Amino acid sequence: MPSHPDYFEVHIDVFEQLNQRAQIVPELSPAELVSAILEEFGGDLDYLGPGPEQYRLRKSESTDGLDNHLSVGEQVAPGERLVLEERDTPLPSGAARPSVPIYLQDVGSRHSFRVAWLPAFVGRADPNTPGNELLAVDLSTASGGSNVSRRHLKLWEDKDGFRVQAASNNPAAVVRQDGVEVPMPQPPDSAPLQSRDVIRLERSGLALKFIVREQLP
């Protein structure tokens, strides 16, 4: 019978889920380990996206990410602590980081999109459409995405919190956690967004849950 591979134990901080024990094969690449983490924790942390390329692992005492050209066993000793974190995304001109990490999750597919900057558009990528550089959530490949406007919604943040408004005539609505539905305002009006509110895009059938990620003290 083939021998079982040797495993060694590490501890991983998966955002607010700290110090998670993991038994890993030394030959695993950092990208493969990230994929395994996303699969393991995706059900509990609904803001996690599906793509390992969006994340990196680093040692807790270092600011540098692990080298994807080397195996985990070549870089990490048994018992060490790793941190999963999002990779930096370049900011488009005129944009800034949200005050806290925010996401939109396609409720149907459970695919989560990071909103890495504000102001931000939600829609479909098109380099010939004004403001394409501010498109933070591209729904082109989502189920029903062909019925999403190129610039469907606009999100931003002010002193009172997060706001949303229509960026097209394609109908949408905000459904509050208590079930109250608010038609999507047209400019210059806007609606406040609270974590766990759902934005429903009528013609596409898409429902996008707005998520504010919990911040550690």
N, C-alpha and C. Protein backbone atom coordinates (compact mmCIF):
# COMPACT_ATOMS: atom_id res chain seq x y z
N MET A 1 0.85 -1.19 0.00
CA MET A 1 0.00 0.00 0.00
C MET A 1 0.88 1.24 0.00
N PRO A 2 0.45 2.29 -0.72
CA PRO A 2 1.26 3.51 -0.72
C PRO A 2 1.29 4.13 0.65
N SER A 3 2.40 4.71 0.99
CA SER A 3 2.52 5.35 2.30
C SER A 3 1.74 6.65 2.31
N HIS A 4 1.24 7.00 3.48
CA HIS A 4 0.52 8.27 3.61
C HIS A 4 1.51 9.43 3.60
N PRO A 5 1.14 10.55 2.99
CA PRO A 5 2.06 11.69 2.99
C PRO A 5 2.25 12.22 4.40
N ASP A 6 3.41 12.78 4.66
CA ASP A 6 3.66 13.41 5.96
C ASP A 6 2.95 14.75 6.00
N TYR A 7 2.28 15.01 7.10
CA TYR A 7 1.60 16.28 7.30
C TYR A 7 2.32 17.04 8.41
N PHE A 8 2.16 18.35 8.38
CA PHE A 8 2.58 19.11 9.55
C PHE A 8 1.53 20.17 9.85
N GLU A 9 1.51 20.60 11.10
CA GLU A 9 0.46 21.49 11.57
C GLU A 9 0.92 22.94 11.55
N VAL A 10 0.02 23.79 11.05
CA VAL A 10 0.22 25.24 11.15
C VAL A 10 -1.07 25.83 11.72
N HIS A 11 -1.01 27.11 12.05
CA HIS A 11 -2.19 27.84 12.52
C HIS A 11 -2.41 29.00 11.56
N ILE A 12 -3.65 29.22 11.20
CA ILE A 12 -3.97 30.21 10.18
C ILE A 12 -5.05 31.17 10.69
N ASP A 13 -4.80 32.47 10.54
CA ASP A 13 -5.82 33.48 10.81
C ASP A 13 -6.60 33.71 9.53
N VAL A 14 -7.87 33.31 9.53
CA VAL A 14 -8.74 33.52 8.36
C VAL A 14 -9.68 34.67 8.71
N PHE A 15 -9.16 35.88 8.55
CA PHE A 15 -9.85 37.10 8.93
C PHE A 15 -10.27 37.00 10.40
N GLU A 16 -11.56 37.10 10.75
CA GLU A 16 -11.90 37.08 12.18
C GLU A 16 -11.86 35.69 12.80
N GLN A 17 -11.69 34.67 11.98
CA GLN A 17 -11.54 33.31 12.51
C GLN A 17 -10.05 33.07 12.76
N LEU A 18 -9.64 33.34 13.98
CA LEU A 18 -8.22 33.36 14.31
C LEU A 18 -7.71 31.99 14.73
N ASN A 19 -6.41 31.79 14.44
CA ASN A 19 -5.67 30.65 15.00
C ASN A 19 -6.32 29.31 14.66
N GLN A 20 -6.71 29.15 13.41
CA GLN A 20 -7.33 27.90 12.97
C GLN A 20 -6.24 26.85 12.72
N ARG A 21 -6.41 25.67 13.29
CA ARG A 21 -5.43 24.60 13.11
C ARG A 21 -5.62 23.95 11.74
N ALA A 22 -4.50 23.67 11.08
CA ALA A 22 -4.56 23.02 9.77
C ALA A 22 -3.43 22.02 9.65
N GLN A 23 -3.75 20.82 9.21
CA GLN A 23 -2.76 19.80 8.89
C GLN A 23 -2.53 19.83 7.38
N ILE A 24 -1.33 20.14 6.96
CA ILE A 24 -1.10 20.34 5.52
C ILE A 24 0.06 19.48 5.03
N VAL A 25 0.03 19.20 3.74
CA VAL A 25 1.11 18.47 3.08
C VAL A 25 2.20 19.47 2.72
N PRO A 26 3.45 19.21 3.06
CA PRO A 26 4.51 20.19 2.79
C PRO A 26 4.62 20.59 1.33
N GLU A 27 4.29 19.66 0.41
CA GLU A 27 4.45 19.94 -1.02
C GLU A 27 3.38 20.88 -1.57
N LEU A 28 2.39 21.19 -0.78
CA LEU A 28 1.30 22.06 -1.22
C LEU A 28 1.86 23.44 -1.58
N SER A 29 1.37 24.02 -2.66
CA SER A 29 1.76 25.39 -3.00
C SER A 29 0.90 26.36 -2.19
N PRO A 30 1.37 27.61 -1.99
CA PRO A 30 0.53 28.59 -1.30
C PRO A 30 -0.83 28.78 -1.95
N ALA A 31 -0.88 28.77 -3.30
CA ALA A 31 -2.16 28.94 -3.98
C ALA A 31 -3.10 27.77 -3.70
N GLU A 32 -2.55 26.57 -3.65
CA GLU A 32 -3.38 25.40 -3.34
C GLU A 32 -3.90 25.46 -1.90
N LEU A 33 -3.07 25.93 -1.00
CA LEU A 33 -3.51 26.08 0.38
C LEU A 33 -4.60 27.14 0.49
N VAL A 34 -4.45 28.25 -0.24
CA VAL A 34 -5.49 29.28 -0.24
C VAL A 34 -6.80 28.70 -0.76
N SER A 35 -6.75 27.93 -1.85
CA SER A 35 -7.96 27.32 -2.39
C SER A 35 -8.65 26.43 -1.35
N ALA A 36 -7.85 25.67 -0.61
CA ALA A 36 -8.41 24.79 0.41
C ALA A 36 -9.05 25.61 1.53
N ILE A 37 -8.44 26.72 1.89
CA ILE A 37 -9.01 27.59 2.93
C ILE A 37 -10.35 28.17 2.48
N LEU A 38 -10.40 28.64 1.23
CA LEU A 38 -11.64 29.22 0.71
C LEU A 38 -12.76 28.19 0.69
N GLU A 39 -12.43 26.98 0.33
CA GLU A 39 -13.43 25.93 0.30
C GLU A 39 -13.90 25.58 1.72
N GLU A 40 -12.97 25.57 2.65
CA GLU A 40 -13.30 25.20 4.03
C GLU A 40 -14.15 26.25 4.73
N PHE A 41 -13.83 27.53 4.50
CA PHE A 41 -14.45 28.60 5.28
C PHE A 41 -15.50 29.38 4.50
N GLY A 42 -15.67 29.07 3.20
CA GLY A 42 -16.61 29.84 2.39
C GLY A 42 -18.04 29.78 2.90
N GLY A 43 -18.42 28.68 3.53
CA GLY A 43 -19.78 28.57 4.05
C GLY A 43 -20.02 29.43 5.27
N ASP A 44 -18.97 29.69 6.04
CA ASP A 44 -19.11 30.48 7.27
C ASP A 44 -18.85 31.97 7.03
N LEU A 45 -17.93 32.28 6.13
CA LEU A 45 -17.55 33.67 5.86
C LEU A 45 -18.05 34.00 4.46
N ASP A 46 -19.25 34.58 4.38
CA ASP A 46 -19.89 34.74 3.08
C ASP A 46 -19.31 35.84 2.22
N TYR A 47 -18.32 36.56 2.71
CA TYR A 47 -17.66 37.56 1.89
C TYR A 47 -16.46 36.99 1.13
N LEU A 48 -16.08 35.74 1.41
CA LEU A 48 -14.93 35.16 0.73
C LEU A 48 -15.26 34.92 -0.74
N GLY A 49 -14.39 35.39 -1.63
CA GLY A 49 -14.56 35.15 -3.05
C GLY A 49 -14.04 33.79 -3.45
N PRO A 50 -14.34 33.33 -4.67
CA PRO A 50 -13.95 31.98 -5.08
C PRO A 50 -12.53 31.89 -5.64
N GLY A 51 -11.92 33.03 -5.97
CA GLY A 51 -10.64 32.99 -6.69
C GLY A 51 -9.44 33.11 -5.77
N PRO A 52 -8.57 32.08 -5.70
CA PRO A 52 -7.39 32.18 -4.84
C PRO A 52 -6.44 33.30 -5.24
N GLU A 53 -6.53 33.74 -6.51
CA GLU A 53 -5.64 34.83 -6.95
C GLU A 53 -5.96 36.15 -6.26
N GLN A 54 -7.10 36.24 -5.60
CA GLN A 54 -7.47 37.47 -4.88
C GLN A 54 -6.83 37.55 -3.49
N TYR A 55 -6.17 36.48 -3.06
CA TYR A 55 -5.67 36.39 -1.69
C TYR A 55 -4.20 35.99 -1.68
N ARG A 56 -3.59 36.18 -0.52
CA ARG A 56 -2.23 35.69 -0.30
C ARG A 56 -2.10 35.25 1.15
N LEU A 57 -1.08 34.45 1.40
CA LEU A 57 -0.73 34.03 2.75
C LEU A 57 0.60 34.64 3.13
N ARG A 58 0.72 35.04 4.37
CA ARG A 58 1.99 35.54 4.89
C ARG A 58 2.18 34.98 6.29
N LYS A 59 3.41 34.97 6.73
CA LYS A 59 3.68 34.61 8.12
C LYS A 59 3.23 35.77 9.02
N SER A 60 2.73 35.44 10.20
CA SER A 60 2.15 36.47 11.06
C SER A 60 3.14 37.54 11.45
N GLU A 61 4.44 37.19 11.50
CA GLU A 61 5.43 38.17 11.91
C GLU A 61 6.04 38.92 10.73
N SER A 62 5.54 38.66 9.51
CA SER A 62 6.11 39.26 8.31
C SER A 62 5.05 40.05 7.55
N THR A 63 5.50 41.00 6.76
CA THR A 63 4.59 41.74 5.88
C THR A 63 4.63 41.20 4.45
N ASP A 64 5.55 40.31 4.17
CA ASP A 64 5.70 39.76 2.83
C ASP A 64 4.89 38.47 2.68
N GLY A 65 4.26 38.32 1.52
CA GLY A 65 3.50 37.12 1.24
C GLY A 65 4.41 35.94 0.93
N LEU A 66 3.88 34.73 1.07
CA LEU A 66 4.64 33.54 0.70
C LEU A 66 4.89 33.54 -0.80
N ASP A 67 6.00 32.95 -1.20
CA ASP A 67 6.39 32.86 -2.61
C ASP A 67 5.62 31.71 -3.26
N ASN A 68 4.81 32.03 -4.28
CA ASN A 68 4.00 31.00 -4.93
C ASN A 68 4.82 30.04 -5.78
N HIS A 69 6.11 30.35 -5.97
CA HIS A 69 6.98 29.46 -6.75
C HIS A 69 7.62 28.39 -5.86
N LEU A 70 7.41 28.50 -4.56
CA LEU A 70 7.96 27.53 -3.61
C LEU A 70 6.82 26.86 -2.86
N SER A 71 7.03 25.64 -2.42
CA SER A 71 6.00 24.95 -1.66
C SER A 71 5.88 25.58 -0.26
N VAL A 72 4.76 25.29 0.39
CA VAL A 72 4.57 25.79 1.75
C VAL A 72 5.64 25.22 2.67
N GLY A 73 5.97 23.92 2.50
CA GLY A 73 6.96 23.28 3.35
C GLY A 73 8.35 23.87 3.23
N GLU A 74 8.65 24.50 2.09
CA GLU A 74 9.95 25.14 1.92
C GLU A 74 10.02 26.50 2.59
N GLN A 75 8.87 27.02 3.02
CA GLN A 75 8.86 28.39 3.56
C GLN A 75 8.34 28.48 4.99
N VAL A 76 7.64 27.44 5.44
CA VAL A 76 6.94 27.51 6.73
C VAL A 76 7.36 26.33 7.58
N ALA A 77 7.68 26.60 8.84
CA ALA A 77 8.05 25.54 9.78
C ALA A 77 6.80 25.05 10.51
N PRO A 78 6.80 23.79 10.95
CA PRO A 78 5.67 23.29 11.74
C PRO A 78 5.38 24.19 12.93
N GLY A 79 4.09 24.45 13.16
CA GLY A 79 3.68 25.26 14.29
C GLY A 79 3.62 26.74 14.01
N GLU A 80 4.13 27.19 12.86
CA GLU A 80 4.10 28.62 12.57
C GLU A 80 2.66 29.08 12.30
N ARG A 81 2.49 30.39 12.41
CA ARG A 81 1.17 31.00 12.24
C ARG A 81 1.15 31.79 10.94
N LEU A 82 0.13 31.52 10.12
CA LEU A 82 -0.04 32.21 8.84
C LEU A 82 -1.27 33.10 8.90
N VAL A 83 -1.31 34.07 8.00
CA VAL A 83 -2.44 35.01 7.91
C VAL A 83 -2.92 35.02 6.46
N LEU A 84 -4.21 34.80 6.28
CA LEU A 84 -4.83 34.97 4.96
C LEU A 84 -5.30 36.40 4.83
N GLU A 85 -4.93 37.05 3.73
CA GLU A 85 -5.36 38.43 3.52
C GLU A 85 -5.62 38.69 2.05
N GLU A 86 -6.39 39.72 1.79
CA GLU A 86 -6.70 40.10 0.41
C GLU A 86 -5.51 40.81 -0.22
N ARG A 87 -5.30 40.55 -1.48
CA ARG A 87 -4.26 41.24 -2.21
C ARG A 87 -4.68 42.68 -2.47
N ASP A 88 -3.71 43.57 -2.50
CA ASP A 88 -3.99 44.96 -2.80
C ASP A 88 -4.50 45.10 -4.24
N THR A 89 -5.48 45.96 -4.42
CA THR A 89 -6.01 46.27 -5.75
C THR A 89 -5.70 47.73 -6.05
N PRO A 90 -5.10 48.03 -7.20
CA PRO A 90 -4.79 49.43 -7.51
C PRO A 90 -6.06 50.29 -7.51
N LEU A 91 -5.93 51.48 -6.96
CA LEU A 91 -7.07 52.39 -6.92
C LEU A 91 -7.18 53.16 -8.24
N PRO A 92 -8.37 53.21 -8.82
CA PRO A 92 -8.54 54.08 -9.99
C PRO A 92 -8.49 55.54 -9.58
N SER A 93 -8.22 56.40 -10.53
CA SER A 93 -8.16 57.83 -10.27
C SER A 93 -9.49 58.33 -9.72
N GLY A 94 -9.43 59.12 -8.66
CA GLY A 94 -10.62 59.70 -8.07
C GLY A 94 -11.33 58.81 -7.07
N ALA A 95 -10.78 57.63 -6.80
CA ALA A 95 -11.42 56.70 -5.87
C ALA A 95 -10.61 56.60 -4.58
N ALA A 96 -11.24 56.05 -3.55
CA ALA A 96 -10.57 55.84 -2.26
C ALA A 96 -11.06 54.51 -1.68
N ARG A 97 -10.31 53.99 -0.71
CA ARG A 97 -10.74 52.76 -0.04
C ARG A 97 -11.96 53.03 0.84
N PRO A 98 -12.88 52.07 0.93
CA PRO A 98 -13.96 52.21 1.93
C PRO A 98 -13.36 52.24 3.33
N SER A 99 -14.09 52.83 4.27
CA SER A 99 -13.59 52.92 5.65
C SER A 99 -13.48 51.54 6.29
N VAL A 100 -14.28 50.58 5.83
CA VAL A 100 -14.23 49.19 6.27
C VAL A 100 -14.39 48.31 5.03
N PRO A 101 -13.94 47.06 5.07
CA PRO A 101 -14.08 46.19 3.89
C PRO A 101 -15.56 45.89 3.61
N ILE A 102 -15.96 46.05 2.34
CA ILE A 102 -17.34 45.81 1.95
C ILE A 102 -17.39 44.91 0.71
N TYR A 103 -18.52 44.21 0.56
CA TYR A 103 -18.68 43.21 -0.50
C TYR A 103 -20.12 43.19 -0.97
N LEU A 104 -20.31 42.65 -2.17
CA LEU A 104 -21.63 42.30 -2.66
C LEU A 104 -21.60 40.81 -2.99
N GLN A 105 -22.56 40.08 -2.45
CA GLN A 105 -22.63 38.64 -2.72
C GLN A 105 -23.86 38.32 -3.56
N ASP A 106 -23.63 37.64 -4.70
CA ASP A 106 -24.72 37.10 -5.50
C ASP A 106 -25.38 36.00 -4.67
N VAL A 107 -26.59 36.27 -4.19
CA VAL A 107 -27.25 35.35 -3.27
C VAL A 107 -27.46 33.99 -3.91
N GLY A 108 -27.77 33.95 -5.22
CA GLY A 108 -28.04 32.70 -5.89
C GLY A 108 -26.83 31.80 -6.00
N SER A 109 -25.71 32.34 -6.44
CA SER A 109 -24.50 31.54 -6.64
C SER A 109 -23.57 31.56 -5.43
N ARG A 110 -23.82 32.48 -4.49
CA ARG A 110 -22.97 32.71 -3.31
C ARG A 110 -21.58 33.21 -3.72
N HIS A 111 -21.45 33.73 -4.92
CA HIS A 111 -20.20 34.35 -5.37
C HIS A 111 -20.12 35.75 -4.78
N SER A 112 -19.03 36.05 -4.07
CA SER A 112 -18.87 37.36 -3.45
C SER A 112 -17.87 38.20 -4.22
N PHE A 113 -18.19 39.47 -4.34
CA PHE A 113 -17.35 40.44 -5.03
C PHE A 113 -16.88 41.48 -4.01
N ARG A 114 -15.60 41.72 -3.97
CA ARG A 114 -15.08 42.77 -3.10
C ARG A 114 -15.30 44.12 -3.78
N VAL A 115 -15.80 45.08 -3.01
CA VAL A 115 -15.91 46.46 -3.49
C VAL A 115 -14.67 47.17 -2.96
N ALA A 116 -13.65 47.22 -3.79
CA ALA A 116 -12.32 47.63 -3.33
C ALA A 116 -12.12 49.13 -3.30
N TRP A 117 -13.05 49.87 -3.89
CA TRP A 117 -12.91 51.33 -3.89
C TRP A 117 -14.31 51.96 -3.96
N LEU A 118 -14.34 53.23 -3.61
CA LEU A 118 -15.55 54.04 -3.70
C LEU A 118 -15.16 55.44 -4.18
N PRO A 119 -15.99 56.13 -4.98
CA PRO A 119 -17.25 55.63 -5.52
C PRO A 119 -17.01 54.45 -6.45
N ALA A 120 -18.04 53.62 -6.60
CA ALA A 120 -17.91 52.41 -7.41
C ALA A 120 -19.20 52.18 -8.19
N PHE A 121 -19.02 51.63 -9.40
CA PHE A 121 -20.17 51.21 -10.18
C PHE A 121 -20.32 49.69 -10.09
N VAL A 122 -21.55 49.25 -10.21
CA VAL A 122 -21.89 47.83 -10.33
C VAL A 122 -22.57 47.67 -11.69
N GLY A 123 -22.11 46.72 -12.48
CA GLY A 123 -22.70 46.55 -13.81
C GLY A 123 -21.93 45.55 -14.64
N ARG A 124 -21.63 45.93 -15.88
CA ARG A 124 -20.87 45.08 -16.79
C ARG A 124 -19.72 45.87 -17.39
N ALA A 125 -18.57 45.22 -17.48
CA ALA A 125 -17.37 45.90 -17.99
C ALA A 125 -17.55 46.26 -19.46
N ASP A 126 -17.18 47.48 -19.79
CA ASP A 126 -17.17 47.97 -21.17
C ASP A 126 -16.22 49.15 -21.23
N PRO A 127 -15.03 48.97 -21.83
CA PRO A 127 -14.04 50.06 -21.85
C PRO A 127 -14.52 51.30 -22.59
N ASN A 128 -15.58 51.18 -23.38
CA ASN A 128 -16.08 52.33 -24.14
C ASN A 128 -17.15 53.11 -23.37
N THR A 129 -17.50 52.64 -22.19
CA THR A 129 -18.50 53.32 -21.38
C THR A 129 -17.83 54.22 -20.36
N PRO A 130 -18.24 55.48 -20.26
CA PRO A 130 -17.62 56.38 -19.28
C PRO A 130 -17.68 55.81 -17.87
N GLY A 131 -16.60 55.98 -17.12
CA GLY A 131 -16.54 55.50 -15.74
C GLY A 131 -16.19 54.04 -15.62
N ASN A 132 -15.75 53.39 -16.72
CA ASN A 132 -15.45 51.96 -16.64
C ASN A 132 -14.37 51.67 -15.61
N GLU A 133 -13.44 52.62 -15.40
CA GLU A 133 -12.36 52.39 -14.43
C GLU A 133 -12.89 52.30 -13.01
N LEU A 134 -14.11 52.81 -12.77
CA LEU A 134 -14.70 52.76 -11.43
C LEU A 134 -15.60 51.54 -11.25
N LEU A 135 -15.68 50.66 -12.26
CA LEU A 135 -16.50 49.47 -12.14
C LEU A 135 -15.82 48.50 -11.17
N ALA A 136 -16.39 48.35 -9.98
CA ALA A 136 -15.80 47.49 -8.96
C ALA A 136 -16.41 46.09 -8.96
N VAL A 137 -17.65 45.96 -9.43
CA VAL A 137 -18.33 44.67 -9.46
C VAL A 137 -18.85 44.43 -10.87
N ASP A 138 -18.22 43.47 -11.57
CA ASP A 138 -18.58 43.14 -12.94
C ASP A 138 -19.47 41.90 -12.92
N LEU A 139 -20.73 42.07 -13.31
CA LEU A 139 -21.71 40.98 -13.28
C LEU A 139 -21.88 40.31 -14.65
N SER A 140 -20.93 40.53 -15.55
CA SER A 140 -21.05 40.02 -16.91
C SER A 140 -21.27 38.52 -16.95
N THR A 141 -20.57 37.78 -16.10
CA THR A 141 -20.63 36.32 -16.14
C THR A 141 -21.64 35.73 -15.15
N ALA A 142 -22.33 36.58 -14.41
CA ALA A 142 -23.33 36.08 -13.46
C ALA A 142 -24.56 35.58 -14.22
N SER A 143 -25.30 34.67 -13.61
CA SER A 143 -26.55 34.20 -14.20
C SER A 143 -27.51 35.38 -14.34
N GLY A 144 -27.96 35.64 -15.56
CA GLY A 144 -28.80 36.81 -15.81
C GLY A 144 -28.03 38.08 -16.02
N GLY A 145 -26.68 37.99 -16.03
CA GLY A 145 -25.85 39.17 -16.13
C GLY A 145 -26.03 39.96 -17.42
N SER A 146 -26.49 39.29 -18.50
CA SER A 146 -26.70 40.00 -19.76
C SER A 146 -27.82 41.03 -19.67
N ASN A 147 -28.66 40.91 -18.65
CA ASN A 147 -29.75 41.87 -18.44
C ASN A 147 -29.39 42.96 -17.44
N VAL A 148 -28.13 42.99 -17.03
CA VAL A 148 -27.64 44.03 -16.14
C VAL A 148 -27.09 45.17 -16.99
N SER A 149 -27.40 46.39 -16.63
CA SER A 149 -26.87 47.55 -17.36
C SER A 149 -25.37 47.67 -17.16
N ARG A 150 -24.71 48.29 -18.12
CA ARG A 150 -23.25 48.47 -17.98
C ARG A 150 -22.93 49.30 -16.75
N ARG A 151 -23.76 50.27 -16.46
CA ARG A 151 -23.65 51.03 -15.22
C ARG A 151 -25.00 50.94 -14.54
N HIS A 152 -25.16 49.94 -13.68
CA HIS A 152 -26.48 49.67 -13.10
C HIS A 152 -26.69 50.43 -11.80
N LEU A 153 -25.68 50.38 -10.93
CA LEU A 153 -25.76 51.02 -9.62
C LEU A 153 -24.50 51.82 -9.35
N LYS A 154 -24.64 52.79 -8.50
CA LYS A 154 -23.48 53.53 -8.00
C LYS A 154 -23.48 53.46 -6.48
N LEU A 155 -22.32 53.13 -5.91
CA LEU A 155 -22.14 53.06 -4.46
C LEU A 155 -21.12 54.11 -4.04
N TRP A 156 -21.32 54.68 -2.88
CA TRP A 156 -20.32 55.57 -2.31
C TRP A 156 -20.51 55.63 -0.80
N GLU A 157 -19.64 56.39 -0.15
CA GLU A 157 -19.68 56.52 1.31
C GLU A 157 -19.59 57.99 1.67
N ASP A 158 -20.43 58.39 2.62
CA ASP A 158 -20.32 59.74 3.16
C ASP A 158 -20.25 59.67 4.68
N LYS A 159 -20.36 60.79 5.35
CA LYS A 159 -20.18 60.81 6.80
C LYS A 159 -21.24 59.99 7.54
N ASP A 160 -22.36 59.72 6.87
CA ASP A 160 -23.43 58.96 7.51
C ASP A 160 -23.40 57.47 7.18
N GLY A 161 -22.50 57.06 6.30
CA GLY A 161 -22.41 55.64 5.97
C GLY A 161 -22.40 55.40 4.47
N PHE A 162 -22.84 54.22 4.06
CA PHE A 162 -22.81 53.83 2.65
C PHE A 162 -24.14 54.17 1.99
N ARG A 163 -24.04 54.56 0.70
CA ARG A 163 -25.20 54.99 -0.06
C ARG A 163 -25.23 54.25 -1.40
N VAL A 164 -26.43 54.15 -1.97
CA VAL A 164 -26.59 53.54 -3.28
C VAL A 164 -27.66 54.31 -4.05
N GLN A 165 -27.48 54.36 -5.37
CA GLN A 165 -28.49 54.97 -6.24
C GLN A 165 -28.44 54.29 -7.59
N ALA A 166 -29.48 54.44 -8.37
CA ALA A 166 -29.52 53.90 -9.71
C ALA A 166 -28.54 54.67 -10.59
N ALA A 167 -27.87 53.93 -11.48
CA ALA A 167 -27.01 54.56 -12.49
C ALA A 167 -27.57 54.31 -13.88
N SER A 168 -28.79 53.75 -13.94
CA SER A 168 -29.48 53.49 -15.20
C SER A 168 -30.97 53.48 -14.92
N ASN A 169 -31.76 53.28 -15.99
CA ASN A 169 -33.21 53.17 -15.81
C ASN A 169 -33.64 51.73 -15.58
N ASN A 170 -32.67 50.80 -15.49
CA ASN A 170 -32.97 49.40 -15.25
C ASN A 170 -33.45 49.27 -13.80
N PRO A 171 -34.67 48.79 -13.56
CA PRO A 171 -35.25 48.84 -12.20
C PRO A 171 -34.50 47.97 -11.19
N ALA A 172 -34.46 48.47 -9.97
CA ALA A 172 -33.81 47.76 -8.86
C ALA A 172 -34.50 48.21 -7.58
N ALA A 173 -34.23 47.49 -6.50
CA ALA A 173 -34.81 47.83 -5.20
C ALA A 173 -33.87 47.36 -4.10
N VAL A 174 -33.97 48.01 -2.94
CA VAL A 174 -33.23 47.60 -1.75
C VAL A 174 -34.22 46.92 -0.80
N VAL A 175 -33.89 45.70 -0.40
CA VAL A 175 -34.74 44.97 0.55
C VAL A 175 -34.02 44.96 1.89
N ARG A 176 -34.62 45.60 2.89
CA ARG A 176 -34.03 45.67 4.22
C ARG A 176 -34.13 44.33 4.94
N GLN A 177 -33.38 44.18 6.01
CA GLN A 177 -33.40 42.92 6.75
C GLN A 177 -34.78 42.61 7.33
N ASP A 178 -35.58 43.64 7.58
CA ASP A 178 -36.93 43.40 8.11
C ASP A 178 -37.95 43.13 7.00
N GLY A 179 -37.47 43.04 5.75
CA GLY A 179 -38.34 42.74 4.63
C GLY A 179 -38.92 43.94 3.92
N VAL A 180 -38.72 45.13 4.46
CA VAL A 180 -39.22 46.34 3.82
C VAL A 180 -38.45 46.57 2.52
N GLU A 181 -39.18 46.83 1.44
CA GLU A 181 -38.55 47.03 0.14
C GLU A 181 -38.61 48.51 -0.24
N VAL A 182 -37.45 49.03 -0.66
CA VAL A 182 -37.34 50.44 -1.04
C VAL A 182 -36.95 50.51 -2.51
N PRO A 183 -37.76 51.14 -3.37
CA PRO A 183 -37.37 51.27 -4.77
C PRO A 183 -36.03 52.01 -4.88
N MET A 184 -35.19 51.57 -5.83
CA MET A 184 -33.87 52.20 -5.98
C MET A 184 -34.02 53.64 -6.43
N PRO A 185 -33.49 54.59 -5.64
CA PRO A 185 -33.64 56.00 -6.00
C PRO A 185 -32.84 56.36 -7.25
N GLN A 186 -33.38 57.30 -8.02
CA GLN A 186 -32.69 57.88 -9.16
C GLN A 186 -31.97 59.15 -8.69
N PRO A 187 -30.84 59.50 -9.34
CA PRO A 187 -30.14 60.73 -8.97
C PRO A 187 -31.10 61.93 -9.10
N PRO A 188 -30.99 62.89 -8.19
CA PRO A 188 -29.92 63.05 -7.18
C PRO A 188 -30.20 62.32 -5.87
N ASP A 189 -31.31 61.59 -5.77
CA ASP A 189 -31.63 60.90 -4.52
C ASP A 189 -30.79 59.62 -4.38
N SER A 190 -30.69 59.13 -3.16
CA SER A 190 -29.96 57.89 -2.88
C SER A 190 -30.57 57.24 -1.64
N ALA A 191 -30.17 56.00 -1.41
CA ALA A 191 -30.68 55.25 -0.25
C ALA A 191 -29.51 54.79 0.60
N PRO A 192 -29.68 54.75 1.92
CA PRO A 192 -28.62 54.20 2.78
C PRO A 192 -28.54 52.69 2.61
N LEU A 193 -27.34 52.15 2.82
CA LEU A 193 -27.12 50.71 2.76
C LEU A 193 -26.58 50.25 4.10
N GLN A 194 -27.23 49.26 4.68
CA GLN A 194 -26.76 48.63 5.90
C GLN A 194 -26.30 47.21 5.59
N SER A 195 -25.35 46.71 6.37
CA SER A 195 -24.87 45.35 6.16
C SER A 195 -26.04 44.37 6.22
N ARG A 196 -26.09 43.46 5.24
CA ARG A 196 -27.10 42.42 5.07
C ARG A 196 -28.35 42.90 4.34
N ASP A 197 -28.41 44.18 3.95
CA ASP A 197 -29.45 44.59 3.02
C ASP A 197 -29.22 43.85 1.69
N VAL A 198 -30.27 43.62 0.94
CA VAL A 198 -30.18 42.94 -0.35
C VAL A 198 -30.65 43.89 -1.44
N ILE A 199 -29.85 44.01 -2.48
CA ILE A 199 -30.21 44.81 -3.66
C ILE A 199 -30.74 43.85 -4.72
N ARG A 200 -31.97 44.05 -5.12
CA ARG A 200 -32.57 43.17 -6.12
C ARG A 200 -32.57 43.87 -7.48
N LEU A 201 -31.99 43.24 -8.49
CA LEU A 201 -31.96 43.76 -9.85
C LEU A 201 -33.08 43.06 -10.62
N GLU A 202 -34.11 43.81 -10.96
CA GLU A 202 -35.37 43.21 -11.39
C GLU A 202 -35.25 42.37 -12.66
N ARG A 203 -34.73 42.92 -13.73
CA ARG A 203 -34.79 42.23 -15.02
C ARG A 203 -33.85 41.03 -15.09
N SER A 204 -32.78 41.06 -14.33
CA SER A 204 -31.81 39.96 -14.35
C SER A 204 -32.17 38.85 -13.37
N GLY A 205 -32.98 39.18 -12.36
CA GLY A 205 -33.28 38.22 -11.31
C GLY A 205 -32.18 38.09 -10.28
N LEU A 206 -31.15 38.92 -10.38
CA LEU A 206 -30.04 38.85 -9.43
C LEU A 206 -30.41 39.53 -8.12
N ALA A 207 -29.93 38.96 -7.02
CA ALA A 207 -30.06 39.56 -5.70
C ALA A 207 -28.65 39.65 -5.11
N LEU A 208 -28.26 40.85 -4.71
CA LEU A 208 -26.90 41.10 -4.21
C LEU A 208 -26.97 41.51 -2.75
N LYS A 209 -26.39 40.69 -1.89
CA LYS A 209 -26.36 41.01 -0.45
C LYS A 209 -25.16 41.90 -0.16
N PHE A 210 -25.43 43.02 0.49
CA PHE A 210 -24.38 43.96 0.88
C PHE A 210 -23.80 43.50 2.21
N ILE A 211 -22.48 43.33 2.25
CA ILE A 211 -21.82 42.77 3.43
C ILE A 211 -20.72 43.73 3.89
N VAL A 212 -20.74 44.05 5.17
CA VAL A 212 -19.63 44.77 5.80
C VAL A 212 -18.87 43.79 6.65
N ARG A 213 -17.59 43.59 6.35
CA ARG A 213 -16.80 42.60 7.08
C ARG A 213 -16.47 43.08 8.47
N GLU A 214 -16.65 42.19 9.43
CA GLU A 214 -16.34 42.49 10.82
C GLU A 214 -14.85 42.82 10.96
N GLN A 215 -14.57 43.86 11.72
CA GLN A 215 -13.19 44.29 11.94
C GLN A 215 -12.71 43.86 13.32
N LEU A 216 -11.49 43.34 13.36
CA LEU A 216 -10.91 42.94 14.63
C LEU A 216 -10.51 44.18 15.42
N PRO A 217 -10.57 44.12 16.74
CA PRO A 217 -10.18 45.27 17.56
C PRO A 217 -8.71 45.64 17.33
